[in-house]
Amino acid sequence: DPSIDEREDEGVICVTWIMPDQIQGNVIEPFSVGYQLTWPLVSPRGYEDYLTPYVGEEEVSRITYAVDGYFYFGSGVTGTVLAIKKLYGELGLLENGVRGRPTPGSGRFFTGTEALRWEEEKEGLEFIGYMVDLDVSDEAGPRE
């Protein structure tokens, strides 16, 4: 599967996108680097348009899966958390006047060791979501 990154020294790595509502809505529990856990992984399609203005196409193209417990009905994929990057950015106004439109170029990653239920603003930027390296070497891999 070309969407799973094979790294000789680390095994099979899925770069996983997690929207804040997945943790805030109790779909998944807060987690830390080193945790072994099982997540409902789905295709990241649909997130590209949202994330590209923040961090660009190259960074977004690294994402292999997204956590989505609202539209996933399988048993999940088990892996070990290797790294957590927290994405922060500016939200502009949508056409209807509601905040939510990504402000191009405003995305910044901060490295973290844990993902919390609620993340605070950082340097005037709002929390957008997590990008997590998940080692799934012992799994057959996520199913589409």
N, C-alpha and C. Protein backbone atom coordinates (compact mmCIF):
# COMPACT_ATOMS: atom_id res chain seq x y z
N ASP A 1 0.86 -1.18 0.00
CA ASP A 1 0.00 0.00 0.00
C ASP A 1 0.90 1.24 0.00
N PRO A 2 0.85 2.03 -1.05
CA PRO A 2 1.76 3.17 -1.14
C PRO A 2 1.46 4.28 -0.13
N SER A 3 0.29 4.25 0.51
CA SER A 3 -0.04 5.33 1.44
C SER A 3 0.51 5.06 2.84
N ILE A 4 1.10 3.91 3.05
CA ILE A 4 1.73 3.62 4.34
C ILE A 4 3.23 3.76 4.16
N ASP A 5 3.86 4.52 5.04
CA ASP A 5 5.26 4.86 4.95
C ASP A 5 6.09 3.75 5.59
N GLU A 6 6.96 3.09 4.78
CA GLU A 6 7.84 2.05 5.32
C GLU A 6 9.17 2.69 5.67
N ARG A 7 9.52 2.68 6.92
CA ARG A 7 10.81 3.20 7.36
C ARG A 7 11.59 2.03 7.95
N GLU A 8 12.75 1.77 7.39
CA GLU A 8 13.53 0.60 7.81
C GLU A 8 13.75 0.56 9.31
N ASP A 9 14.03 1.71 9.91
CA ASP A 9 14.38 1.71 11.33
C ASP A 9 13.16 1.72 12.25
N GLU A 10 11.98 2.02 11.71
CA GLU A 10 10.82 2.15 12.59
C GLU A 10 9.66 1.23 12.25
N GLY A 11 9.68 0.59 11.08
CA GLY A 11 8.56 -0.27 10.72
C GLY A 11 7.55 0.45 9.85
N VAL A 12 6.28 0.12 10.02
CA VAL A 12 5.21 0.68 9.20
C VAL A 12 4.56 1.83 9.95
N ILE A 13 4.64 3.02 9.37
CA ILE A 13 4.16 4.24 10.03
C ILE A 13 2.97 4.81 9.27
N CYS A 14 1.90 5.09 9.99
CA CYS A 14 0.77 5.82 9.44
C CYS A 14 0.83 7.24 10.00
N VAL A 15 0.78 8.23 9.12
CA VAL A 15 0.69 9.61 9.57
C VAL A 15 -0.81 9.90 9.66
N THR A 16 -1.28 10.15 10.85
CA THR A 16 -2.71 10.19 11.13
C THR A 16 -3.15 11.59 11.54
N TRP A 17 -4.21 12.10 10.90
CA TRP A 17 -4.79 13.40 11.24
C TRP A 17 -5.93 13.19 12.23
N ILE A 18 -5.98 14.04 13.26
CA ILE A 18 -7.04 13.96 14.26
C ILE A 18 -7.63 15.34 14.49
N MET A 19 -8.91 15.51 14.18
CA MET A 19 -9.62 16.76 14.46
C MET A 19 -9.91 16.81 15.96
N PRO A 20 -9.98 18.01 16.54
CA PRO A 20 -10.23 18.14 17.98
C PRO A 20 -11.52 17.45 18.45
N ASP A 21 -12.56 17.42 17.60
CA ASP A 21 -13.83 16.85 18.05
C ASP A 21 -13.74 15.35 18.34
N GLN A 22 -12.72 14.67 17.82
CA GLN A 22 -12.58 13.24 18.08
C GLN A 22 -12.20 12.98 19.54
N ILE A 23 -11.41 13.88 20.12
CA ILE A 23 -11.06 13.74 21.54
C ILE A 23 -12.10 14.45 22.40
N GLN A 24 -12.51 15.65 22.00
CA GLN A 24 -13.48 16.40 22.80
C GLN A 24 -14.81 15.66 22.88
N GLY A 25 -15.16 14.92 21.83
CA GLY A 25 -16.40 14.17 21.80
C GLY A 25 -16.27 12.76 22.35
N ASN A 26 -15.12 12.47 22.95
CA ASN A 26 -14.87 11.17 23.58
C ASN A 26 -14.86 10.00 22.61
N VAL A 27 -14.59 10.25 21.31
CA VAL A 27 -14.44 9.16 20.36
C VAL A 27 -13.16 8.39 20.67
N ILE A 28 -12.08 9.15 20.95
CA ILE A 28 -10.83 8.54 21.41
C ILE A 28 -10.43 9.25 22.70
N GLU A 29 -9.61 8.59 23.47
CA GLU A 29 -9.15 9.14 24.74
C GLU A 29 -7.89 9.97 24.52
N PRO A 30 -7.59 10.92 25.43
CA PRO A 30 -6.31 11.60 25.37
C PRO A 30 -5.18 10.56 25.39
N PHE A 31 -4.04 10.91 24.80
CA PHE A 31 -2.96 9.93 24.65
C PHE A 31 -1.62 10.64 24.70
N SER A 32 -0.55 9.84 24.81
CA SER A 32 0.82 10.36 24.89
C SER A 32 1.72 9.54 23.97
N VAL A 33 2.90 10.09 23.68
CA VAL A 33 3.91 9.35 22.93
C VAL A 33 4.21 8.07 23.71
N GLY A 34 4.30 6.96 23.00
CA GLY A 34 4.57 5.67 23.63
C GLY A 34 3.34 4.84 23.90
N TYR A 35 2.15 5.47 23.90
CA TYR A 35 0.91 4.72 24.14
C TYR A 35 0.65 3.74 23.00
N GLN A 36 0.16 2.56 23.36
CA GLN A 36 -0.37 1.64 22.36
C GLN A 36 -1.88 1.76 22.45
N LEU A 37 -2.52 1.95 21.30
CA LEU A 37 -3.96 2.20 21.30
C LEU A 37 -4.59 1.71 20.01
N THR A 38 -5.90 1.68 20.00
CA THR A 38 -6.65 1.26 18.82
C THR A 38 -7.55 2.41 18.41
N TRP A 39 -7.41 2.82 17.13
CA TRP A 39 -8.18 3.94 16.62
C TRP A 39 -9.00 3.56 15.39
N PRO A 40 -10.13 4.23 15.17
CA PRO A 40 -10.90 4.05 13.94
C PRO A 40 -10.28 4.91 12.82
N LEU A 41 -9.49 4.28 11.95
CA LEU A 41 -8.79 5.02 10.89
C LEU A 41 -9.54 4.92 9.57
N VAL A 42 -9.68 6.06 8.91
CA VAL A 42 -10.36 6.15 7.62
C VAL A 42 -9.47 6.95 6.66
N SER A 43 -9.89 7.02 5.41
CA SER A 43 -9.18 7.82 4.41
C SER A 43 -9.17 9.28 4.84
N PRO A 44 -8.07 9.99 4.58
CA PRO A 44 -8.02 11.41 4.95
C PRO A 44 -8.70 12.32 3.92
N ARG A 45 -9.27 11.74 2.86
CA ARG A 45 -9.93 12.57 1.85
C ARG A 45 -10.98 13.45 2.51
N GLY A 46 -11.06 14.66 2.08
CA GLY A 46 -11.99 15.61 2.68
C GLY A 46 -11.29 16.56 3.63
N TYR A 47 -10.16 16.13 4.19
CA TYR A 47 -9.40 17.00 5.07
C TYR A 47 -8.37 17.83 4.31
N GLU A 48 -8.01 17.37 3.09
CA GLU A 48 -6.97 18.06 2.33
C GLU A 48 -7.31 19.53 2.10
N ASP A 49 -8.53 19.79 1.63
CA ASP A 49 -8.92 21.16 1.33
C ASP A 49 -8.91 22.04 2.58
N TYR A 50 -9.23 21.48 3.71
CA TYR A 50 -9.25 22.21 4.96
C TYR A 50 -7.83 22.51 5.44
N LEU A 51 -6.93 21.53 5.33
CA LEU A 51 -5.59 21.67 5.90
C LEU A 51 -4.57 22.34 4.99
N THR A 52 -4.73 22.23 3.67
CA THR A 52 -3.73 22.76 2.75
C THR A 52 -3.45 24.25 2.95
N PRO A 53 -4.46 25.11 3.14
CA PRO A 53 -4.14 26.52 3.37
C PRO A 53 -3.24 26.74 4.60
N TYR A 54 -3.37 25.91 5.60
CA TYR A 54 -2.56 26.07 6.81
C TYR A 54 -1.10 25.68 6.58
N VAL A 55 -0.87 24.51 6.00
CA VAL A 55 0.49 23.95 5.98
C VAL A 55 1.01 23.60 4.60
N GLY A 56 0.21 23.72 3.57
CA GLY A 56 0.68 23.44 2.22
C GLY A 56 0.47 21.99 1.79
N GLU A 57 0.51 21.78 0.49
CA GLU A 57 0.22 20.47 -0.09
C GLU A 57 1.22 19.40 0.32
N GLU A 58 2.51 19.76 0.38
CA GLU A 58 3.52 18.75 0.70
C GLU A 58 3.29 18.13 2.07
N GLU A 59 3.04 18.96 3.06
CA GLU A 59 2.80 18.45 4.42
C GLU A 59 1.50 17.64 4.46
N VAL A 60 0.47 18.12 3.81
CA VAL A 60 -0.82 17.43 3.80
C VAL A 60 -0.70 16.07 3.09
N SER A 61 0.14 16.00 2.07
CA SER A 61 0.29 14.74 1.32
C SER A 61 0.90 13.63 2.17
N ARG A 62 1.53 13.97 3.29
CA ARG A 62 2.10 12.97 4.20
C ARG A 62 1.02 12.22 4.98
N ILE A 63 -0.16 12.81 5.09
CA ILE A 63 -1.22 12.21 5.91
C ILE A 63 -1.79 10.98 5.19
N THR A 64 -1.73 9.84 5.87
CA THR A 64 -2.20 8.59 5.27
C THR A 64 -3.60 8.20 5.74
N TYR A 65 -3.97 8.60 6.95
CA TYR A 65 -5.28 8.25 7.50
C TYR A 65 -5.77 9.35 8.42
N ALA A 66 -7.04 9.30 8.73
CA ALA A 66 -7.63 10.22 9.70
C ALA A 66 -8.42 9.38 10.71
N VAL A 67 -8.48 9.86 11.94
CA VAL A 67 -9.32 9.22 12.96
C VAL A 67 -10.73 9.76 12.77
N ASP A 68 -11.69 8.85 12.65
CA ASP A 68 -13.09 9.28 12.53
C ASP A 68 -14.00 8.22 13.11
N GLY A 69 -14.33 8.41 14.37
CA GLY A 69 -15.20 7.46 15.06
C GLY A 69 -16.66 7.64 14.75
N TYR A 70 -17.02 8.72 14.05
CA TYR A 70 -18.42 8.97 13.73
C TYR A 70 -18.87 8.22 12.49
N PHE A 71 -17.91 7.91 11.59
CA PHE A 71 -18.26 7.26 10.33
C PHE A 71 -17.47 5.99 10.10
N TYR A 72 -17.01 5.35 11.16
CA TYR A 72 -16.21 4.13 11.06
C TYR A 72 -16.90 3.04 11.83
N PHE A 73 -17.01 1.87 11.21
CA PHE A 73 -17.75 0.79 11.87
C PHE A 73 -16.95 -0.50 11.96
N GLY A 74 -15.63 -0.41 11.89
CA GLY A 74 -14.78 -1.60 12.00
C GLY A 74 -14.26 -1.76 13.40
N SER A 75 -13.26 -2.62 13.54
CA SER A 75 -12.70 -2.90 14.86
C SER A 75 -11.56 -1.95 15.21
N GLY A 76 -11.09 -1.16 14.26
CA GLY A 76 -10.02 -0.22 14.53
C GLY A 76 -8.66 -0.79 14.21
N VAL A 77 -7.66 0.05 14.28
CA VAL A 77 -6.28 -0.32 13.99
C VAL A 77 -5.44 -0.03 15.23
N THR A 78 -4.63 -0.99 15.62
CA THR A 78 -3.80 -0.85 16.81
C THR A 78 -2.38 -0.44 16.41
N GLY A 79 -1.84 0.51 17.14
CA GLY A 79 -0.48 0.96 16.89
C GLY A 79 0.08 1.66 18.11
N THR A 80 1.32 2.09 17.97
CA THR A 80 2.02 2.80 19.05
C THR A 80 2.32 4.22 18.59
N VAL A 81 2.00 5.20 19.42
CA VAL A 81 2.23 6.60 19.11
C VAL A 81 3.73 6.89 19.18
N LEU A 82 4.30 7.34 18.05
CA LEU A 82 5.72 7.68 18.00
C LEU A 82 5.97 9.17 18.15
N ALA A 83 5.07 9.99 17.60
CA ALA A 83 5.27 11.44 17.63
C ALA A 83 3.92 12.14 17.54
N ILE A 84 3.84 13.31 18.17
CA ILE A 84 2.61 14.13 18.14
C ILE A 84 3.01 15.55 17.74
N LYS A 85 2.38 16.04 16.66
CA LYS A 85 2.55 17.44 16.29
C LYS A 85 1.18 18.10 16.41
N LYS A 86 1.16 19.25 17.08
CA LYS A 86 -0.08 19.99 17.29
C LYS A 86 -0.12 21.14 16.29
N LEU A 87 -1.17 21.19 15.46
CA LEU A 87 -1.30 22.25 14.48
C LEU A 87 -2.16 23.38 15.04
N TYR A 88 -1.62 24.59 14.95
CA TYR A 88 -2.34 25.80 15.34
C TYR A 88 -2.42 26.71 14.13
N GLY A 89 -3.47 27.54 14.07
CA GLY A 89 -3.60 28.47 12.96
C GLY A 89 -4.68 29.50 13.24
N GLU A 90 -4.86 30.40 12.26
CA GLU A 90 -5.88 31.44 12.35
C GLU A 90 -7.11 31.00 11.58
N LEU A 91 -8.27 31.27 12.16
CA LEU A 91 -9.54 31.00 11.49
C LEU A 91 -10.14 32.32 11.04
N GLY A 92 -10.38 32.43 9.73
CA GLY A 92 -11.04 33.61 9.19
C GLY A 92 -12.54 33.38 9.14
N LEU A 93 -13.26 34.35 8.60
CA LEU A 93 -14.71 34.25 8.51
C LEU A 93 -15.14 33.56 7.23
N LEU A 94 -16.16 32.70 7.36
CA LEU A 94 -16.79 32.09 6.19
C LEU A 94 -17.70 33.14 5.55
N GLU A 95 -18.24 32.83 4.37
CA GLU A 95 -19.12 33.76 3.67
C GLU A 95 -20.33 34.16 4.50
N ASN A 96 -20.79 33.26 5.39
CA ASN A 96 -21.96 33.56 6.22
C ASN A 96 -21.59 34.31 7.50
N GLY A 97 -20.31 34.69 7.63
CA GLY A 97 -19.88 35.45 8.78
C GLY A 97 -19.45 34.62 9.98
N VAL A 98 -19.52 33.31 9.87
CA VAL A 98 -19.12 32.41 10.96
C VAL A 98 -17.63 32.09 10.82
N ARG A 99 -16.92 32.11 11.96
CA ARG A 99 -15.49 31.75 11.92
C ARG A 99 -15.32 30.30 11.54
N GLY A 100 -14.28 30.01 10.77
CA GLY A 100 -14.01 28.63 10.43
C GLY A 100 -13.18 28.46 9.17
N ARG A 101 -12.98 29.53 8.41
CA ARG A 101 -12.20 29.44 7.18
C ARG A 101 -10.72 29.53 7.53
N PRO A 102 -9.89 28.56 7.06
CA PRO A 102 -8.46 28.62 7.33
C PRO A 102 -7.83 29.87 6.73
N THR A 103 -6.97 30.53 7.48
CA THR A 103 -6.23 31.67 6.98
C THR A 103 -4.94 31.14 6.36
N PRO A 104 -4.78 31.29 5.03
CA PRO A 104 -3.60 30.72 4.35
C PRO A 104 -2.29 31.17 4.98
N GLY A 105 -1.40 30.18 5.15
CA GLY A 105 -0.07 30.46 5.67
C GLY A 105 0.02 30.63 7.17
N SER A 106 -1.10 30.52 7.87
CA SER A 106 -1.07 30.76 9.32
C SER A 106 -0.74 29.53 10.15
N GLY A 107 -0.68 28.36 9.54
CA GLY A 107 -0.46 27.13 10.30
C GLY A 107 0.94 27.01 10.86
N ARG A 108 1.01 26.59 12.11
CA ARG A 108 2.28 26.33 12.77
C ARG A 108 2.16 25.06 13.58
N PHE A 109 3.19 24.21 13.47
CA PHE A 109 3.23 22.99 14.27
C PHE A 109 4.04 23.22 15.54
N PHE A 110 3.55 22.63 16.63
CA PHE A 110 4.29 22.58 17.88
C PHE A 110 4.40 21.12 18.27
N THR A 111 5.60 20.67 18.60
CA THR A 111 5.80 19.28 19.00
C THR A 111 5.28 19.10 20.42
N GLY A 112 4.60 17.99 20.64
CA GLY A 112 4.09 17.69 21.97
C GLY A 112 4.34 16.25 22.33
N THR A 113 4.17 15.93 23.59
CA THR A 113 4.31 14.54 24.03
C THR A 113 2.97 13.94 24.43
N GLU A 114 1.92 14.81 24.50
CA GLU A 114 0.61 14.30 24.85
C GLU A 114 -0.48 15.08 24.14
N ALA A 115 -1.60 14.42 23.93
CA ALA A 115 -2.79 15.03 23.34
C ALA A 115 -3.84 15.11 24.44
N LEU A 116 -4.32 16.31 24.68
CA LEU A 116 -5.26 16.55 25.77
C LEU A 116 -6.69 16.63 25.25
N ARG A 117 -7.64 16.55 26.15
CA ARG A 117 -9.05 16.70 25.76
C ARG A 117 -9.28 18.10 25.19
N TRP A 118 -8.70 19.12 25.81
CA TRP A 118 -8.84 20.51 25.34
C TRP A 118 -7.47 21.14 25.27
N GLU A 119 -7.12 21.71 24.12
CA GLU A 119 -5.84 22.40 23.95
C GLU A 119 -6.10 23.91 23.99
N GLU A 120 -5.25 24.63 24.67
CA GLU A 120 -5.37 26.08 24.78
C GLU A 120 -4.81 26.76 23.53
N GLU A 121 -5.21 28.03 23.32
CA GLU A 121 -4.60 28.82 22.26
C GLU A 121 -3.11 28.94 22.55
N LYS A 122 -2.34 29.16 21.47
CA LYS A 122 -0.89 29.29 21.64
C LYS A 122 -0.42 30.42 20.72
N GLU A 123 0.25 31.39 21.30
CA GLU A 123 0.79 32.53 20.55
C GLU A 123 -0.27 33.19 19.67
N GLY A 124 -1.49 33.29 20.20
CA GLY A 124 -2.57 33.95 19.48
C GLY A 124 -3.22 33.09 18.40
N LEU A 125 -2.84 31.83 18.30
CA LEU A 125 -3.38 30.92 17.28
C LEU A 125 -4.31 29.90 17.94
N GLU A 126 -5.32 29.48 17.18
CA GLU A 126 -6.26 28.48 17.68
C GLU A 126 -5.78 27.08 17.37
N PHE A 127 -6.14 26.13 18.22
CA PHE A 127 -5.78 24.73 17.99
C PHE A 127 -6.63 24.18 16.85
N ILE A 128 -5.95 23.54 15.88
CA ILE A 128 -6.63 23.01 14.70
C ILE A 128 -6.74 21.48 14.76
N GLY A 129 -5.70 20.81 15.24
CA GLY A 129 -5.75 19.35 15.32
C GLY A 129 -4.36 18.75 15.50
N TYR A 130 -4.33 17.41 15.51
CA TYR A 130 -3.09 16.67 15.73
C TYR A 130 -2.66 15.94 14.46
N MET A 131 -1.34 15.89 14.25
CA MET A 131 -0.76 15.02 13.24
C MET A 131 0.12 14.05 14.01
N VAL A 132 -0.21 12.76 13.93
CA VAL A 132 0.41 11.75 14.78
C VAL A 132 1.07 10.68 13.93
N ASP A 133 2.33 10.35 14.26
CA ASP A 133 2.99 9.21 13.64
C ASP A 133 2.63 7.99 14.48
N LEU A 134 1.97 7.02 13.83
CA LEU A 134 1.49 5.82 14.51
C LEU A 134 2.16 4.60 13.89
N ASP A 135 2.91 3.85 14.70
CA ASP A 135 3.59 2.65 14.23
C ASP A 135 2.59 1.49 14.27
N VAL A 136 2.25 0.98 13.08
CA VAL A 136 1.28 -0.11 12.97
C VAL A 136 1.96 -1.37 12.42
N SER A 137 3.24 -1.54 12.72
CA SER A 137 4.02 -2.65 12.18
C SER A 137 3.41 -4.01 12.48
N ASP A 138 2.76 -4.14 13.62
CA ASP A 138 2.19 -5.44 14.01
C ASP A 138 0.80 -5.66 13.46
N GLU A 139 0.25 -4.67 12.75
CA GLU A 139 -1.09 -4.76 12.17
C GLU A 139 -1.00 -5.10 10.69
N ALA A 140 -2.08 -5.56 10.14
CA ALA A 140 -2.15 -5.79 8.70
C ALA A 140 -2.30 -4.46 7.98
N GLY A 141 -2.63 -3.40 8.74
CA GLY A 141 -2.82 -2.07 8.15
C GLY A 141 -4.29 -1.69 8.15
N PRO A 142 -4.56 -0.42 8.10
CA PRO A 142 -5.95 0.05 8.08
C PRO A 142 -6.69 -0.42 6.84
N ARG A 143 -7.97 -0.62 6.99
CA ARG A 143 -8.79 -1.06 5.87
C ARG A 143 -9.65 0.12 5.42
N GLU A 144 -9.69 0.30 4.11
CA GLU A 144 -10.47 1.41 3.56
C GLU A 144 -11.95 1.06 3.57
